[in-house]
Amino acid sequence: MHTSKPFSIHQSKLNIIRLRKVIKDLPPFCAEYFRGIEPHTSILTRINYGYDLRLFFQYLTSEVEEFCEKIPQDLTIQDLKRIEAVHLEMFLEYITLYNRSSGSSGDGMANHESGKARKLSAIRSCFSHFYKKGYLDRNVTELVDIPKIHEKAIIRLDVDEVARLLDSVENGFGLTDTQKRYHKYTRQRDLAILTLFLGTGIRISECVGLNITDFDFNTNGFKVTRKGGNQVFLYFGTEVRETLEAYLKERTQIEPLAGHEDALFLSMQRKRLSNRAIQNLVKKYARIVSPLKKISPHKLRSTYGTTLYRETGDIYLVADVLGHKDVNTTRKHYAAISDDKRRIAARVVKLRDD
């Protein structure tokens, strides 16, 4: 297998450009912060931190009287020292519902506990950096509690729904007349994508980045790039292998556009499939078999994790295969299994004879 990853190199360059662009919207001292956290964070984490910090500093200079005489790019370390816990609490209240641009009435953005927690974590990281460096004599962010995140029930497909989902892809059942016209061209590709999600639990970003040369059918293994840039080998079973081989026979007949030659999954325009395109195809088929569940590629990943735990009972194996750094993240799948067991208990106990 080749080790070249043209998509990853191209995407890395784009991410660097995105980060540099957002840093230009921030106070000058933030450039030092991003250099400081580079060794132990991924580029995507830094980009997201940049977006969150940009929103915070925009809020300060547009909504808080003490800072309204400035724009974000004019803020200094001395201004950081003027920020109080109440400003952070006001910010968290503000982002519950706000407009991206001033005067806008139709571009409302909302944040629940998880969104607020992420944004406060970004601000905390920034303040912690300058506190450790001695620029600040206190870290005011420590006075504000991270919003408590209420766990949501895991949405996943049941066993029969998985079977009907794959059947729908194979035979086109439930598709509109317009969708059926394209189905014969995308059927094998879509089946390979959904089978790969359900049979390996990969992330959508990992699926998008897959190249033909990442696969070794001698070992039934393939290489993925995890969050943070780490590359690992995952393995697939017979069903995934057969579906992939059938798709690759079709794939060899397609002449990709320049720069997309090694991409595994191609669009009708002969380009590497995008995140959005894969999300849309998952939703298209999932609506047919489970219209009340909002199924996304991540929900297919949860389906795989739940199935793997049900079959093995090994929470650490599930964590390793899914690429979870913290096994507590994986325990969500255990909670799903526990719910199944409680349902069984409810059916088993009889209060009266029939």
Protein backbone atom coordinates (compact mmCIF):
# COMPACT_ATOMS: atom_id res chain seq x y z
CA MET A 1 0.00 0.00 0.00
CA HIS A 2 1.14 3.51 -0.74
CA THR A 3 1.59 5.97 2.08
CA SER A 4 0.81 9.13 0.14
CA LYS A 5 -2.35 10.93 1.22
CA PRO A 6 -3.01 13.78 -1.25
CA PHE A 7 -6.41 14.50 0.28
CA SER A 8 -4.97 14.77 3.78
CA ILE A 9 -2.17 17.06 2.60
CA HIS A 10 -4.63 19.28 0.72
CA GLN A 11 -7.03 19.35 3.68
CA SER A 12 -4.19 20.20 6.08
CA LYS A 13 -3.25 23.20 3.96
CA LEU A 14 -6.85 24.37 3.90
CA ASN A 15 -7.09 24.02 7.68
CA ILE A 16 -3.92 26.05 8.19
CA ILE A 17 -5.39 28.80 6.00
CA ARG A 18 -8.65 28.68 7.98
CA LEU A 19 -6.79 29.02 11.27
CA ARG A 20 -4.67 31.91 10.07
CA LYS A 21 -7.78 33.66 8.81
CA VAL A 22 -9.61 33.41 12.12
CA ILE A 23 -6.51 34.51 14.08
CA LYS A 24 -6.54 37.76 12.09
CA ASP A 25 -9.98 38.48 13.57
CA LEU A 26 -8.68 38.04 17.13
CA PRO A 27 -6.66 40.28 19.47
CA PRO A 28 -2.92 40.19 18.57
CA PHE A 29 -1.96 38.34 21.76
CA CYS A 30 -3.98 35.30 20.62
CA ALA A 31 -1.31 34.42 18.06
CA GLU A 32 1.04 33.57 20.94
CA TYR A 33 -1.69 31.47 22.57
CA PHE A 34 -2.21 29.36 19.44
CA ARG A 35 1.53 28.80 19.07
CA GLY A 36 1.63 27.67 22.69
CA ILE A 37 -1.12 25.05 22.37
CA GLU A 38 -0.02 23.72 18.96
CA PRO A 39 2.11 20.81 20.29
CA HIS A 40 -0.78 19.18 22.16
CA THR A 41 -3.86 20.05 20.07
CA SER A 42 -5.08 19.15 16.59
CA ILE A 43 -5.52 21.79 13.89
CA LEU A 44 -9.30 21.29 14.00
CA THR A 45 -9.36 21.89 17.76
CA ARG A 46 -7.42 25.13 17.30
CA ILE A 47 -9.78 26.26 14.53
CA ASN A 48 -12.80 25.62 16.74
CA TYR A 49 -11.14 27.43 19.65
CA GLY A 50 -10.53 30.32 17.27
CA TYR A 51 -14.19 30.51 16.27
CA ASP A 52 -15.29 30.41 19.92
CA LEU A 53 -12.79 33.07 21.01
CA ARG A 54 -13.79 35.28 18.08
CA LEU A 55 -17.42 35.12 19.20
CA PHE A 56 -16.43 35.96 22.79
CA PHE A 57 -14.31 38.96 21.88
CA GLN A 58 -16.95 40.20 19.44
CA TYR A 59 -19.47 39.97 22.26
CA LEU A 60 -17.23 41.94 24.62
CA THR A 61 -16.68 44.80 22.18
CA SER A 62 -20.29 45.02 21.04
CA GLU A 63 -22.34 44.17 24.13
CA VAL A 64 -20.28 45.07 27.21
CA GLU A 65 -20.04 48.79 27.98
CA GLU A 66 -16.51 48.63 29.42
CA PHE A 67 -15.11 47.35 26.11
CA CYS A 68 -17.38 48.99 23.53
CA GLU A 69 -14.78 51.62 22.63
CA LYS A 70 -12.69 48.92 20.92
CA ILE A 71 -12.87 46.27 18.24
CA PRO A 72 -11.55 42.73 18.95
CA GLN A 73 -8.25 43.38 17.12
CA ASP A 74 -7.53 46.31 19.47
CA LEU A 75 -7.87 44.34 22.71
CA THR A 76 -4.71 43.84 24.79
CA ILE A 77 -3.55 41.72 27.70
CA GLN A 78 -4.51 44.66 29.94
CA ASP A 79 -8.08 44.25 28.69
CA LEU A 80 -7.97 40.57 29.64
CA LYS A 81 -7.19 41.67 33.19
CA ARG A 82 -10.38 43.78 33.19
CA ILE A 83 -12.63 40.81 32.40
CA GLU A 84 -14.67 39.64 35.39
CA ALA A 85 -16.63 36.46 36.06
CA VAL A 86 -19.88 38.36 35.50
CA HIS A 87 -18.79 39.11 31.91
CA LEU A 88 -18.36 35.39 31.26
CA GLU A 89 -21.73 34.61 32.83
CA MET A 90 -23.35 37.32 30.70
CA PHE A 91 -21.68 35.82 27.61
CA LEU A 92 -23.06 32.34 28.37
CA GLU A 93 -26.52 33.85 28.78
CA TYR A 94 -26.11 35.82 25.54
CA ILE A 95 -25.20 32.80 23.39
CA THR A 96 -28.36 30.97 24.43
CA LEU A 97 -29.81 32.80 21.44
CA TYR A 98 -28.02 35.46 19.41
CA ASN A 99 -27.65 36.83 15.89
CA ARG A 100 -24.48 36.30 13.90
CA SER A 101 -24.58 39.85 12.57
CA SER A 102 -25.86 42.94 14.29
CA GLY A 103 -29.31 44.03 13.18
CA SER A 104 -30.07 40.61 11.76
CA SER A 105 -33.41 39.08 12.64
CA GLY A 106 -33.33 35.89 10.60
CA ASP A 107 -29.91 34.45 11.40
CA GLY A 108 -30.47 33.38 14.97
CA MET A 109 -27.97 30.98 16.56
CA ALA A 110 -28.72 28.90 19.64
CA ASN A 111 -26.48 27.11 22.13
CA HIS A 112 -27.51 24.50 24.66
CA GLU A 113 -25.37 23.11 27.49
CA SER A 114 -22.84 21.36 25.25
CA GLY A 115 -22.31 24.40 23.03
CA LYS A 116 -21.88 26.69 26.02
CA ALA A 117 -19.50 24.24 27.70
CA ARG A 118 -17.34 24.05 24.58
CA LYS A 119 -17.12 27.82 24.23
CA LEU A 120 -16.30 28.31 27.91
CA SER A 121 -13.61 25.62 27.60
CA ALA A 122 -11.99 27.56 24.76
CA ILE A 123 -11.97 30.76 26.84
CA ARG A 124 -10.62 28.86 29.85
CA SER A 125 -7.81 27.42 27.75
CA CYS A 126 -6.82 30.91 26.57
CA PHE A 127 -6.87 32.43 30.05
CA SER A 128 -5.02 29.44 31.52
CA HIS A 129 -2.23 29.88 28.98
CA PHE A 130 -1.62 33.52 29.85
CA TYR A 131 -2.01 32.85 33.59
CA LYS A 132 0.66 30.13 33.44
CA LYS A 133 2.93 32.45 31.43
CA GLY A 134 2.61 35.13 34.10
CA TYR A 135 0.72 37.66 31.98
CA LEU A 136 -2.30 37.42 34.30
CA ASP A 137 -2.22 37.45 38.10
CA ARG A 138 -5.47 35.44 38.29
CA ASN A 139 -7.56 33.15 36.11
CA VAL A 140 -11.07 34.55 36.35
CA THR A 141 -12.50 31.71 34.21
CA GLU A 142 -12.05 29.32 37.14
CA LEU A 143 -14.77 31.24 38.98
CA VAL A 144 -17.37 30.22 36.36
CA ASP A 145 -18.70 26.67 36.38
CA ILE A 146 -18.84 24.68 33.16
CA PRO A 147 -22.54 24.24 32.27
CA LYS A 148 -23.81 20.83 33.29
CA ILE A 149 -24.51 18.69 30.25
CA HIS A 150 -27.61 16.53 30.52
CA GLU A 151 -27.09 13.20 28.81
CA LYS A 152 -29.38 12.52 25.87
CA ALA A 153 -30.72 9.11 25.00
CA ILE A 154 -28.58 7.43 22.37
CA ILE A 155 -30.32 7.22 19.01
CA ARG A 156 -29.37 4.16 17.03
CA LEU A 157 -30.88 1.73 14.58
CA ASP A 158 -32.34 -1.53 15.79
CA VAL A 159 -31.26 -4.79 14.20
CA ASP A 160 -34.27 -5.01 11.89
CA GLU A 161 -33.85 -1.36 10.90
CA VAL A 162 -30.24 -2.01 9.87
CA ALA A 163 -31.38 -4.87 7.63
CA ARG A 164 -34.16 -2.77 6.07
CA LEU A 165 -31.75 0.14 5.55
CA LEU A 166 -29.36 -2.01 3.53
CA ASP A 167 -32.27 -3.62 1.68
CA SER A 168 -33.51 -0.16 0.73
CA VAL A 169 -30.13 0.73 -0.74
CA GLU A 170 -29.99 -2.52 -2.71
CA ASN A 171 -33.46 -2.42 -4.23
CA GLY A 172 -34.32 1.30 -4.14
CA PHE A 173 -37.45 0.69 -2.09
CA GLY A 174 -38.99 3.93 -0.82
CA LEU A 175 -37.03 6.25 -3.12
CA THR A 176 -38.81 8.93 -5.14
CA ASP A 177 -38.99 8.66 -8.91
CA THR A 178 -36.28 11.30 -9.21
CA GLN A 179 -34.02 9.47 -6.75
CA LYS A 180 -34.56 6.19 -8.58
CA ARG A 181 -33.19 7.68 -11.80
CA TYR A 182 -29.80 8.15 -10.13
CA HIS A 183 -29.99 5.07 -7.93
CA LYS A 184 -28.54 2.70 -10.54
CA TYR A 185 -25.40 4.87 -10.69
CA THR A 186 -24.92 5.25 -6.92
CA ARG A 187 -26.42 2.01 -5.57
CA GLN A 188 -23.17 0.07 -5.10
CA ARG A 189 -21.29 3.11 -3.78
CA ASP A 190 -24.02 3.96 -1.26
CA LEU A 191 -24.22 0.35 -0.11
CA ALA A 192 -20.45 0.28 0.42
CA ILE A 193 -20.55 3.51 2.46
CA LEU A 194 -23.39 2.41 4.73
CA THR A 195 -21.94 -1.08 5.16
CA LEU A 196 -18.58 0.44 6.09
CA PHE A 197 -20.20 2.70 8.70
CA LEU A 198 -22.26 -0.11 10.20
CA GLY A 199 -19.47 -2.70 9.98
CA THR A 200 -16.52 -0.69 11.32
CA GLY A 201 -17.89 2.33 13.22
CA ILE A 202 -15.66 4.87 11.44
CA ARG A 203 -16.28 8.61 11.68
CA ILE A 204 -17.61 10.56 8.71
CA SER A 205 -14.32 12.50 8.43
CA GLU A 206 -12.46 9.18 8.28
CA CYS A 207 -14.81 7.90 5.60
CA VAL A 208 -14.40 11.03 3.47
CA GLY A 209 -10.61 10.75 3.64
CA LEU A 210 -10.38 7.11 2.59
CA ASN A 211 -8.20 6.27 -0.39
CA ILE A 212 -8.18 3.09 -2.47
CA THR A 213 -4.57 2.50 -1.42
CA ASP A 214 -5.59 2.51 2.25
CA PHE A 215 -7.06 -0.98 1.87
CA ASP A 216 -5.37 -4.35 2.12
CA PHE A 217 -7.75 -7.17 1.21
CA ASN A 218 -5.15 -9.78 2.11
CA THR A 219 -5.69 -8.90 5.78
CA ASN A 220 -9.19 -7.39 5.49
CA GLY A 221 -7.74 -4.22 6.96
CA PHE A 222 -7.61 -0.53 6.13
CA LYS A 223 -5.88 2.58 7.39
CA VAL A 224 -7.72 5.60 8.81
CA THR A 225 -6.51 8.91 10.16
CA ARG A 226 -8.03 9.54 13.58
CA LYS A 227 -8.63 12.81 15.37
CA GLY A 228 -5.30 14.44 16.09
CA GLY A 229 -3.73 12.92 12.98
CA ASN A 230 -2.93 9.46 14.37
CA GLN A 231 -3.14 6.66 11.81
CA VAL A 232 -4.51 3.27 12.85
CA PHE A 233 -5.49 0.03 11.13
CA LEU A 234 -9.04 -1.25 11.42
CA TYR A 235 -10.42 -4.56 10.18
CA PHE A 236 -13.65 -5.59 8.52
CA GLY A 237 -15.68 -8.74 8.15
CA THR A 238 -16.92 -10.71 5.18
CA GLU A 239 -20.03 -8.58 4.51
CA VAL A 240 -17.99 -5.38 4.36
CA ARG A 241 -15.34 -7.04 2.18
CA GLU A 242 -17.86 -8.34 -0.36
CA THR A 243 -19.61 -4.98 -0.61
CA LEU A 244 -16.35 -3.08 -1.01
CA GLU A 245 -15.05 -5.46 -3.68
CA ALA A 246 -18.29 -5.12 -5.65
CA TYR A 247 -18.04 -1.34 -5.46
CA LEU A 248 -14.36 -1.29 -6.45
CA LYS A 249 -15.20 -3.18 -9.66
CA GLU A 250 -17.44 -0.25 -10.60
CA ARG A 251 -14.95 2.29 -9.25
CA THR A 252 -12.23 1.10 -11.64
CA GLN A 253 -14.50 2.01 -14.58
CA ILE A 254 -14.72 5.65 -13.47
CA GLU A 255 -12.11 8.18 -14.52
CA PRO A 256 -11.79 10.65 -11.61
CA LEU A 257 -10.99 14.31 -12.04
CA ALA A 258 -7.39 15.39 -11.47
CA GLY A 259 -6.50 15.33 -7.79
CA HIS A 260 -9.15 12.73 -6.96
CA GLU A 261 -7.54 9.67 -8.55
CA ASP A 262 -7.03 7.74 -5.28
CA ALA A 263 -10.28 8.80 -3.58
CA LEU A 264 -12.34 5.76 -2.62
CA PHE A 265 -15.80 7.29 -2.78
CA LEU A 266 -16.59 9.58 -5.72
CA SER A 267 -19.55 11.84 -6.46
CA MET A 268 -21.43 11.87 -9.74
CA GLN A 269 -19.06 14.68 -10.71
CA ARG A 270 -16.12 12.26 -10.26
CA LYS A 271 -14.80 14.13 -7.23
CA ARG A 272 -14.16 12.89 -3.70
CA LEU A 273 -17.44 12.81 -1.79
CA SER A 274 -17.81 15.61 0.77
CA ASN A 275 -19.03 15.39 4.36
CA ARG A 276 -22.31 17.02 3.35
CA ALA A 277 -22.90 14.56 0.50
CA ILE A 278 -22.40 11.56 2.80
CA GLN A 279 -24.65 13.09 5.46
CA ASN A 280 -27.37 13.60 2.86
CA LEU A 281 -27.21 10.06 1.49
CA VAL A 282 -27.41 8.59 5.01
CA LYS A 283 -30.46 10.76 5.77
CA LYS A 284 -32.06 9.83 2.45
CA TYR A 285 -32.12 6.12 3.20
CA ALA A 286 -32.63 6.44 6.97
CA ARG A 287 -35.85 8.44 6.50
CA ILE A 288 -37.30 5.52 4.58
CA VAL A 289 -36.74 2.87 7.26
CA SER A 290 -36.92 5.00 10.41
CA PRO A 291 -38.69 8.33 9.77
CA LEU A 292 -39.03 9.20 13.47
CA LYS A 293 -35.30 8.89 14.20
CA LYS A 294 -32.84 11.52 13.02
CA ILE A 295 -30.15 9.16 11.76
CA SER A 296 -26.76 10.62 10.83
CA PRO A 297 -23.39 9.00 10.13
CA HIS A 298 -22.59 9.44 13.82
CA LYS A 299 -25.78 7.54 14.74
CA LEU A 300 -24.61 4.68 12.52
CA ARG A 301 -21.36 4.76 14.52
CA SER A 302 -23.42 4.48 17.72
CA THR A 303 -25.31 1.59 16.18
CA TYR A 304 -22.02 -0.21 15.51
CA GLY A 305 -20.72 0.49 19.03
CA THR A 306 -23.90 -0.83 20.61
CA THR A 307 -23.87 -3.95 18.44
CA LEU A 308 -20.19 -4.62 19.17
CA TYR A 309 -20.72 -4.33 22.91
CA ARG A 310 -23.80 -6.56 22.77
CA GLU A 311 -21.80 -9.26 20.98
CA THR A 312 -18.55 -9.04 23.01
CA GLY A 313 -19.42 -7.46 26.37
CA ASP A 314 -15.97 -5.82 26.21
CA ILE A 315 -16.26 -2.06 26.80
CA TYR A 316 -12.51 -1.56 26.33
CA LEU A 317 -12.59 -3.26 22.94
CA VAL A 318 -15.42 -0.95 21.86
CA ALA A 319 -13.45 2.09 23.07
CA ASP A 320 -10.34 0.98 21.17
CA VAL A 321 -12.12 0.26 17.89
CA LEU A 322 -14.12 3.50 17.99
CA GLY A 323 -11.00 5.48 18.86
CA HIS A 324 -12.31 6.85 22.16
CA LYS A 325 -9.52 8.20 24.37
CA ASP A 326 -11.75 7.97 27.44
CA VAL A 327 -13.65 4.75 28.08
CA ASN A 328 -16.35 6.78 29.87
CA THR A 329 -17.37 8.09 26.46
CA THR A 330 -17.91 4.50 25.41
CA ARG A 331 -20.07 3.70 28.41
CA LYS A 332 -22.93 5.39 26.56
CA HIS A 333 -23.14 2.19 24.54
CA TYR A 334 -23.24 0.20 27.77
CA ALA A 335 -26.11 2.39 28.93
CA ALA A 336 -27.96 1.51 25.74
CA ILE A 337 -27.47 -2.20 26.42
CA SER A 338 -28.64 -1.73 30.01
CA ASP A 339 -31.82 -0.20 28.67
CA ASP A 340 -32.37 -3.29 26.51
CA LYS A 341 -31.92 -5.50 29.57
CA ARG A 342 -34.42 -3.45 31.56
CA ARG A 343 -36.95 -3.93 28.78
CA ILE A 344 -36.38 -7.70 28.93
CA ALA A 345 -36.91 -7.61 32.71
CA ALA A 346 -40.22 -5.84 32.23
CA ARG A 347 -41.45 -8.63 29.93
CA VAL A 348 -40.17 -11.51 32.03
CA VAL A 349 -41.84 -10.66 35.36
CA LYS A 350 -45.48 -11.77 35.40
CA LEU A 351 -47.88 -10.55 38.08
CA ARG A 352 -50.80 -12.73 37.05
CA ASP A 353 -51.15 -15.92 35.03
CA ASP A 354 -52.59 -15.45 31.58
